[in-house]
């Protein structure tokens, strides 16, 4: 009689049971770590959101004041406004709605985040520098040689800028956010460890940490922040978008409808030293007898789309000047007349013509 041999049974079941102990632990902590990362991004989102909101506010305006044109008075009020708005929208960690849910926290399977705090403030460390340099030095002509720089010529200082008095570098604002992040009791702290247990290390410790919108907490404090530079020249306000007709015989007289824009442009012209000498005027006086305009004077003209961007007419000036340009800045129907008055000199100043 021959005895039959039975094959091994139950090995797969034992292997499955052992593997499931490890697999379930890995899955649980995988979910937990994913939740920590997701909820931390919500804190980051709360820190960045008010920065984008701040770009919707007007920062700079121009005033009708020749010596104090730039008005940045609204800058200090932007940070408190966007901070309050972001704090309310992200109180429940969901910024998709302007109305926060009753519970000021977000709970996942193994993790919870709560106590969101958003802080924004004006920040002068977020800055840029205006273009700065001396004005160009003008040489006096010297026969047969390069020109020389006359002594005592005012070229300004290396720290001067043509935008001084018009645009100021007042910086911007910065924001940060923080929240309390903790693990839930749904994640067991003990699982088959200890003396005689399957695992040699402790399963987990209850997570309690501060989540920062930027970087990691140092000594329990979130020190990182995001910054944005604010400031604009959006010439869209009524006081800087009105007409400014050309006034060729009245230099340095602001147009009544657009004084703020006029003063801003003239300030840049002044800061740059105005005209580079009087060579053009002396040339005109020598060949024609007079200079039609003061080349160091400031002239500005602005016409909008409703006027086809052209000057329909110009104010009456000197009688001789009217012969040259009765409508000198017009469009197709307002071409300058070809008539020119006789010069008191001939070609290149020659007396014999």
Protein backbone atom coordinates (compact mmCIF):
# COMPACT_ATOMS: atom_id res chain seq x y z
CA UNK A 1 0.00 0.00 0.00
CA UNK A 2 1.46 3.31 -1.04
CA UNK A 3 0.99 6.50 1.06
CA UNK A 4 0.03 9.70 -0.87
CA UNK A 5 1.93 12.98 -0.32
CA UNK A 6 -0.08 16.14 0.36
CA UNK A 7 1.26 19.48 -1.09
CA UNK A 8 1.94 22.46 1.20
CA UNK A 9 -1.20 24.56 1.86
CA UNK A 10 -1.72 28.03 3.45
CA UNK A 11 1.59 29.58 2.38
CA UNK A 12 -0.04 32.19 0.15
CA UNK A 13 -2.49 33.12 2.87
CA UNK A 14 0.32 33.68 5.34
CA UNK A 15 2.29 35.76 2.85
CA UNK A 16 -0.78 37.86 2.07
CA UNK A 17 -1.44 38.49 5.73
CA UNK A 18 2.15 39.58 6.33
CA UNK A 19 2.24 41.79 3.26
CA UNK A 20 -1.08 43.42 4.16
CA UNK A 21 0.36 44.52 7.49
CA UNK A 22 3.04 46.50 5.64
CA UNK A 23 0.84 47.53 2.72
CA UNK A 24 -1.91 49.03 4.89
CA UNK A 25 0.67 51.01 6.87
CA UNK A 26 2.22 52.38 3.68
CA UNK A 27 -1.18 53.33 2.27
CA UNK A 28 -2.27 55.06 5.47
CA UNK A 29 0.87 57.15 5.70
CA UNK A 30 0.78 57.83 1.96
CA UNK A 31 -2.68 59.32 2.38
CA UNK A 32 -1.55 61.26 5.45
CA UNK A 33 1.51 62.77 3.73
CA UNK A 34 -0.55 63.67 0.67
CA UNK A 35 -3.05 65.49 2.89
CA UNK A 36 -0.25 67.40 4.60
CA UNK A 37 1.04 68.56 1.22
CA UNK A 38 -2.42 69.50 -0.06
CA UNK A 39 -3.42 71.44 3.05
CA UNK A 40 -0.05 73.22 3.12
CA UNK A 41 -0.71 74.45 -0.41
CA UNK A 42 -3.90 76.06 0.85
CA UNK A 43 -1.81 78.14 3.25
CA UNK A 44 0.49 79.11 0.37
CA UNK A 45 -2.55 80.06 -1.71
CA UNK A 46 -3.84 82.33 1.06
CA UNK A 47 -0.50 84.16 1.15
CA UNK A 48 -0.36 84.77 -2.61
CA UNK A 49 -4.01 85.66 -3.23
CA UNK A 50 -3.92 89.16 -1.63
CA UNK A 51 -0.86 90.05 -3.69
CA UNK A 52 -2.79 89.55 -6.92
CA UNK A 53 -5.75 91.44 -5.45
CA UNK A 54 -3.52 94.42 -4.69
CA UNK A 55 -2.76 94.95 -8.38
CA UNK A 56 -6.39 95.94 -8.96
CA UNK A 57 -6.05 99.12 -6.88
CA UNK A 58 -4.83 102.49 -8.12
CA UNK A 59 -1.56 103.34 -6.45
CA UNK A 60 -0.39 106.51 -8.14
CA UNK A 61 -2.24 109.60 -9.28
CA UNK A 62 -1.04 112.93 -10.63
CA UNK A 63 -2.11 116.21 -9.11
CA UNK A 64 -2.39 119.65 -10.63
CA UNK A 65 0.53 120.87 -8.54
CA UNK A 66 3.72 121.88 -10.31
CA UNK A 67 6.07 121.10 -7.42
CA UNK A 68 4.27 118.03 -6.03
CA UNK A 69 2.77 116.05 -8.86
CA UNK A 70 2.92 112.41 -7.71
CA UNK A 71 0.26 111.35 -5.21
CA UNK A 72 0.85 107.98 -3.52
CA UNK A 73 -1.57 108.60 -0.66
CA UNK A 74 -3.61 105.47 -1.39
CA UNK A 75 -0.65 103.08 -1.09
CA UNK A 76 -0.83 102.66 2.69
CA UNK A 77 -4.47 101.58 2.62
CA UNK A 78 -4.04 98.73 0.10
CA UNK A 79 -2.38 96.16 2.42
CA UNK A 80 -5.08 96.29 5.16
CA UNK A 81 -7.85 95.98 2.56
CA UNK A 82 -6.50 92.94 0.75
CA UNK A 83 -5.42 91.31 4.03
CA UNK A 84 -8.92 91.58 5.48
CA UNK A 85 -10.44 90.23 2.28
CA UNK A 86 -8.07 87.24 2.07
CA UNK A 87 -8.46 86.48 5.77
CA UNK A 88 -12.20 86.24 5.39
CA UNK A 89 -12.19 84.23 2.16
CA UNK A 90 -9.59 81.73 3.36
CA UNK A 91 -10.89 81.36 6.88
CA UNK A 92 -12.33 78.00 5.81
CA UNK A 93 -9.28 77.31 3.55
CA UNK A 94 -11.41 77.55 0.41
CA UNK A 95 -10.92 80.77 -1.52
CA UNK A 96 -13.31 79.86 -4.33
CA UNK A 97 -16.18 81.58 -2.54
CA UNK A 98 -16.26 85.07 -1.05
CA UNK A 99 -18.36 83.72 1.84
CA UNK A 100 -16.54 81.48 4.27
CA UNK A 101 -18.14 78.30 5.64
CA UNK A 102 -19.14 78.27 9.33
CA UNK A 103 -16.24 76.00 10.34
CA UNK A 104 -12.82 77.67 10.22
CA UNK A 105 -10.95 74.48 9.39
CA UNK A 106 -10.52 71.81 6.74
CA UNK A 107 -10.59 68.14 7.74
CA UNK A 108 -9.37 65.22 5.66
CA UNK A 109 -9.11 61.49 6.49
CA UNK A 110 -6.06 61.65 8.75
CA UNK A 111 -5.20 65.36 8.84
CA UNK A 112 -6.77 68.69 9.81
CA UNK A 113 -5.69 72.30 9.28
CA UNK A 114 -7.19 75.24 11.16
CA UNK A 115 -6.58 78.74 12.50
CA UNK A 116 -5.62 80.42 9.22
CA UNK A 117 -3.92 83.81 9.62
CA UNK A 118 -3.02 86.11 6.72
CA UNK A 119 -0.76 89.12 7.25
CA UNK A 120 0.01 91.87 4.71
CA UNK A 121 1.88 95.12 5.16
CA UNK A 122 3.49 97.86 3.11
CA UNK A 123 7.07 96.85 2.44
CA UNK A 124 9.78 99.29 1.36
CA UNK A 125 12.29 96.46 0.88
CA UNK A 126 10.42 95.53 -2.29
CA UNK A 127 11.84 98.26 -4.45
CA UNK A 128 13.46 99.31 -7.67
CA UNK A 129 15.67 102.25 -8.50
CA UNK A 130 14.82 105.03 -10.89
CA UNK A 131 17.24 105.73 -13.75
CA UNK A 132 19.83 108.05 -12.27
CA UNK A 133 22.76 109.91 -13.80
CA UNK A 134 24.20 113.33 -14.48
CA UNK A 135 22.91 115.39 -17.36
CA UNK A 136 25.06 115.35 -20.51
CA UNK A 137 27.84 117.92 -20.51
CA UNK A 138 27.81 120.33 -23.46
CA UNK A 139 31.10 121.22 -25.17
CA UNK A 140 31.95 124.69 -26.40
CA UNK A 141 33.18 124.63 -30.03
CA UNK A 142 36.88 125.20 -30.62
CA UNK A 143 38.23 125.82 -34.16
CA UNK A 144 40.32 122.97 -35.47
CA UNK A 145 39.91 120.84 -32.38
CA UNK A 146 37.41 119.00 -30.24
CA UNK A 147 35.13 121.14 -28.15
CA UNK A 148 35.97 121.84 -24.52
CA UNK A 149 33.75 121.66 -21.48
CA UNK A 150 33.12 125.14 -20.11
CA UNK A 151 33.89 125.54 -16.41
CA UNK A 152 31.04 125.61 -13.92
CA UNK A 153 28.60 123.79 -16.19
CA UNK A 154 25.66 122.43 -14.18
CA UNK A 155 25.32 118.74 -14.96
CA UNK A 156 23.49 117.84 -11.75
CA UNK A 157 24.36 115.04 -9.36
CA UNK A 158 24.90 111.31 -10.00
CA UNK A 159 21.84 110.60 -7.86
CA UNK A 160 19.52 112.80 -9.92
CA UNK A 161 16.67 111.29 -11.90
CA UNK A 162 14.48 112.81 -14.57
CA UNK A 163 11.51 111.32 -12.69
CA UNK A 164 12.25 113.13 -9.42
CA UNK A 165 9.13 114.92 -8.27
CA UNK A 166 6.91 112.93 -10.63
CA UNK A 167 7.35 109.30 -9.66
CA UNK A 168 8.61 108.02 -6.32
CA UNK A 169 10.04 104.68 -5.33
CA UNK A 170 7.83 103.83 -2.37
CA UNK A 171 8.15 100.06 -2.63
CA UNK A 172 5.21 97.69 -2.52
CA UNK A 173 3.69 95.22 -0.08
CA UNK A 174 4.39 91.72 1.23
CA UNK A 175 2.13 88.98 2.59
CA UNK A 176 2.52 85.82 4.61
CA UNK A 177 0.14 83.18 5.94
CA UNK A 178 0.24 80.46 8.58
CA UNK A 179 -2.05 77.81 10.01
CA UNK A 180 -2.05 74.98 12.56
CA UNK A 181 -1.70 71.50 11.05
CA UNK A 182 -2.36 68.33 13.06
CA UNK A 183 -2.90 64.61 12.60
CA UNK A 184 -6.23 63.07 13.59
CA UNK A 185 -6.85 60.11 15.91
CA UNK A 186 -8.01 58.18 12.85
CA UNK A 187 -4.33 57.53 12.18
CA UNK A 188 -3.36 54.94 14.85
CA UNK A 189 -0.29 55.75 16.89
CA UNK A 190 0.30 52.08 17.80
CA UNK A 191 0.17 49.03 15.56
CA UNK A 192 1.79 45.66 16.35
CA UNK A 193 4.96 47.11 17.81
CA UNK A 194 6.73 46.74 21.10
CA UNK A 195 8.20 43.66 22.75
CA UNK A 196 7.21 40.63 20.76
CA UNK A 197 5.44 42.76 18.15
CA UNK A 198 5.69 42.57 14.41
CA UNK A 199 7.22 46.08 14.05
CA UNK A 200 10.23 47.26 15.96
CA UNK A 201 9.52 51.02 15.61
CA UNK A 202 6.56 53.02 16.87
CA UNK A 203 3.79 53.35 14.32
CA UNK A 204 3.39 57.13 14.43
CA UNK A 205 3.40 60.23 16.61
CA UNK A 206 0.56 62.72 16.72
CA UNK A 207 1.42 65.42 14.19
CA UNK A 208 1.31 69.01 15.43
CA UNK A 209 3.06 71.64 13.34
CA UNK A 210 2.74 75.16 11.97
CA UNK A 211 2.22 75.34 8.21
CA UNK A 212 3.71 78.44 6.58
CA UNK A 213 2.78 80.01 3.29
CA UNK A 214 6.49 80.48 2.54
CA UNK A 215 9.19 78.07 3.72
CA UNK A 216 9.21 76.36 7.11
CA UNK A 217 8.64 77.70 10.59
CA UNK A 218 11.79 78.69 12.52
CA UNK A 219 11.35 78.52 16.27
CA UNK A 220 7.62 78.23 15.79
CA UNK A 221 7.47 81.40 13.70
CA UNK A 222 6.82 81.76 9.99
CA UNK A 223 9.34 84.33 8.79
CA UNK A 224 9.04 83.96 5.03
CA UNK A 225 6.84 86.22 2.91
CA UNK A 226 6.00 87.04 -0.68
CA UNK A 227 6.36 90.57 -2.02
CA UNK A 228 5.06 92.53 -4.97
CA UNK A 229 6.08 95.92 -6.35
CA UNK A 230 3.20 98.36 -6.72
CA UNK A 231 2.89 101.55 -8.72
CA UNK A 232 1.46 102.57 -12.06
CA UNK A 233 1.16 105.29 -14.63
CA UNK A 234 -2.26 104.41 -16.03
CA UNK A 235 -3.20 107.73 -17.62
CA UNK A 236 -6.86 106.92 -17.46
CA UNK A 237 -8.18 109.35 -14.86
CA UNK A 238 -10.22 112.31 -16.11
CA UNK A 239 -7.66 114.81 -14.81
CA UNK A 240 -4.93 113.37 -17.07
CA UNK A 241 -6.93 112.35 -20.13
CA UNK A 242 -8.42 115.67 -21.25
CA UNK A 243 -7.26 117.73 -24.21
CA UNK A 244 -4.17 119.89 -24.25
CA UNK A 245 -4.17 122.09 -27.37
CA UNK A 246 -0.87 123.26 -28.78
CA UNK A 247 0.16 126.75 -27.63
CA UNK A 248 3.23 127.58 -29.76
CA UNK A 249 3.46 131.18 -28.64
CA UNK A 250 2.90 130.46 -24.97
CA UNK A 251 5.65 128.14 -23.70
CA UNK A 252 5.48 127.02 -20.08
CA UNK A 253 1.81 127.93 -19.83
CA UNK A 254 -0.17 124.81 -18.88
CA UNK A 255 -3.27 123.88 -20.81
CA UNK A 256 -6.31 124.42 -18.62
CA UNK A 257 -7.94 121.05 -19.34
CA UNK A 258 -4.96 118.79 -18.60
CA UNK A 259 -2.74 120.55 -16.10
CA UNK A 260 -1.65 117.41 -14.20
CA UNK A 261 -0.35 115.66 -17.34
CA UNK A 262 1.24 118.89 -18.52
CA UNK A 263 3.10 119.44 -15.25
CA UNK A 264 4.32 115.82 -15.18
CA UNK A 265 5.78 116.03 -18.69
CA UNK A 266 7.30 119.46 -18.04
CA UNK A 267 8.92 118.24 -14.80
CA UNK A 268 10.76 115.50 -16.70
CA UNK A 269 11.83 118.11 -19.27
CA UNK A 270 13.11 120.40 -16.50
CA UNK A 271 14.98 117.60 -14.73
CA UNK A 272 16.79 116.80 -17.96
CA UNK A 273 18.11 120.34 -18.31
CA UNK A 274 15.59 121.53 -20.89
CA UNK A 275 17.14 122.49 -24.27
CA UNK A 276 20.81 121.76 -24.89
CA UNK A 277 21.95 125.39 -25.25
CA UNK A 278 20.72 127.95 -27.80
CA UNK A 279 22.52 126.77 -30.93
CA UNK A 280 19.30 126.25 -32.89
CA UNK A 281 18.00 129.70 -31.98
CA UNK A 282 21.29 131.35 -32.89
CA UNK A 283 21.27 129.51 -36.22
CA UNK A 284 17.73 130.72 -36.95
CA UNK A 285 18.53 134.30 -35.91
CA UNK A 286 21.58 134.38 -38.17
CA UNK A 287 19.89 133.11 -41.33
CA UNK A 288 16.27 134.20 -40.86
CA UNK A 289 16.59 137.13 -38.55
CA UNK A 290 14.71 135.67 -35.63
CA UNK A 291 13.92 132.44 -33.88
CA UNK A 292 10.24 131.48 -34.18
CA UNK A 293 10.15 129.81 -30.77
CA UNK A 294 12.05 129.70 -27.53
CA UNK A 295 13.81 126.34 -27.84
CA UNK A 296 14.25 126.08 -24.10
CA UNK A 297 10.51 126.57 -23.58
CA UNK A 298 8.23 123.61 -22.99
CA UNK A 299 5.46 122.74 -25.43
CA UNK A 300 3.03 119.88 -25.10
CA UNK A 301 -0.01 118.92 -27.12
CA UNK A 302 -2.46 116.08 -26.64
CA UNK A 303 -5.52 115.26 -28.69
CA UNK A 304 -7.66 112.17 -28.21
CA UNK A 305 -9.36 109.76 -30.56
CA UNK A 306 -12.50 111.86 -30.71
CA UNK A 307 -10.46 114.57 -32.47
CA UNK A 308 -8.68 112.17 -34.85
CA UNK A 309 -5.49 112.87 -32.88
CA UNK A 310 -4.85 116.13 -34.78
CA UNK A 311 -4.89 119.85 -34.07
CA UNK A 312 -7.66 121.44 -36.10
CA UNK A 313 -6.13 124.86 -35.65
CA UNK A 314 -3.48 126.69 -33.67
CA UNK A 315 -3.75 130.01 -31.83
CA UNK A 316 -2.74 133.12 -33.73
CA UNK A 317 0.87 134.04 -33.20
CA UNK A 318 3.23 136.62 -34.61
CA UNK A 319 2.28 138.07 -37.96
CA UNK A 320 5.37 136.80 -39.74
CA UNK A 321 4.99 133.37 -38.16
CA UNK A 322 1.44 133.07 -39.47
CA UNK A 323 2.81 133.09 -43.03
CA UNK A 324 4.72 129.88 -42.38
CA UNK A 325 2.23 127.75 -40.54
CA UNK A 326 -1.39 128.85 -40.31
CA UNK A 327 -2.38 125.26 -39.50
CA UNK A 328 0.93 123.56 -39.00
CA UNK A 329 -0.17 120.47 -37.07
CA UNK A 330 -3.29 119.51 -38.97
CA UNK A 331 -4.17 116.45 -40.98
CA UNK A 332 -4.68 115.98 -44.71
CA UNK A 333 -7.01 118.95 -45.03
CA UNK A 334 -4.74 121.21 -43.02
CA UNK A 335 -1.41 121.10 -44.83
CA UNK A 336 1.08 123.92 -44.23
CA UNK A 337 1.12 126.58 -46.89
CA UNK A 338 4.17 126.38 -49.22
CA UNK A 339 4.69 130.15 -49.05
CA UNK A 340 7.80 131.22 -47.17
CA UNK A 341 8.94 134.72 -46.35
CA UNK A 342 12.19 135.96 -47.84
CA UNK A 343 15.31 135.49 -45.80
CA UNK A 344 17.58 138.42 -44.96
CA UNK A 345 20.50 136.16 -45.90
CA UNK A 346 21.20 134.08 -48.98
CA UNK A 347 22.25 130.46 -49.16
CA UNK A 348 24.73 129.60 -46.43
CA UNK A 349 24.82 133.25 -45.43
CA UNK A 350 26.44 134.49 -48.63
CA UNK A 351 25.82 138.17 -49.34
CA UNK A 352 26.15 137.86 -53.12
CA UNK A 353 23.11 136.06 -54.52
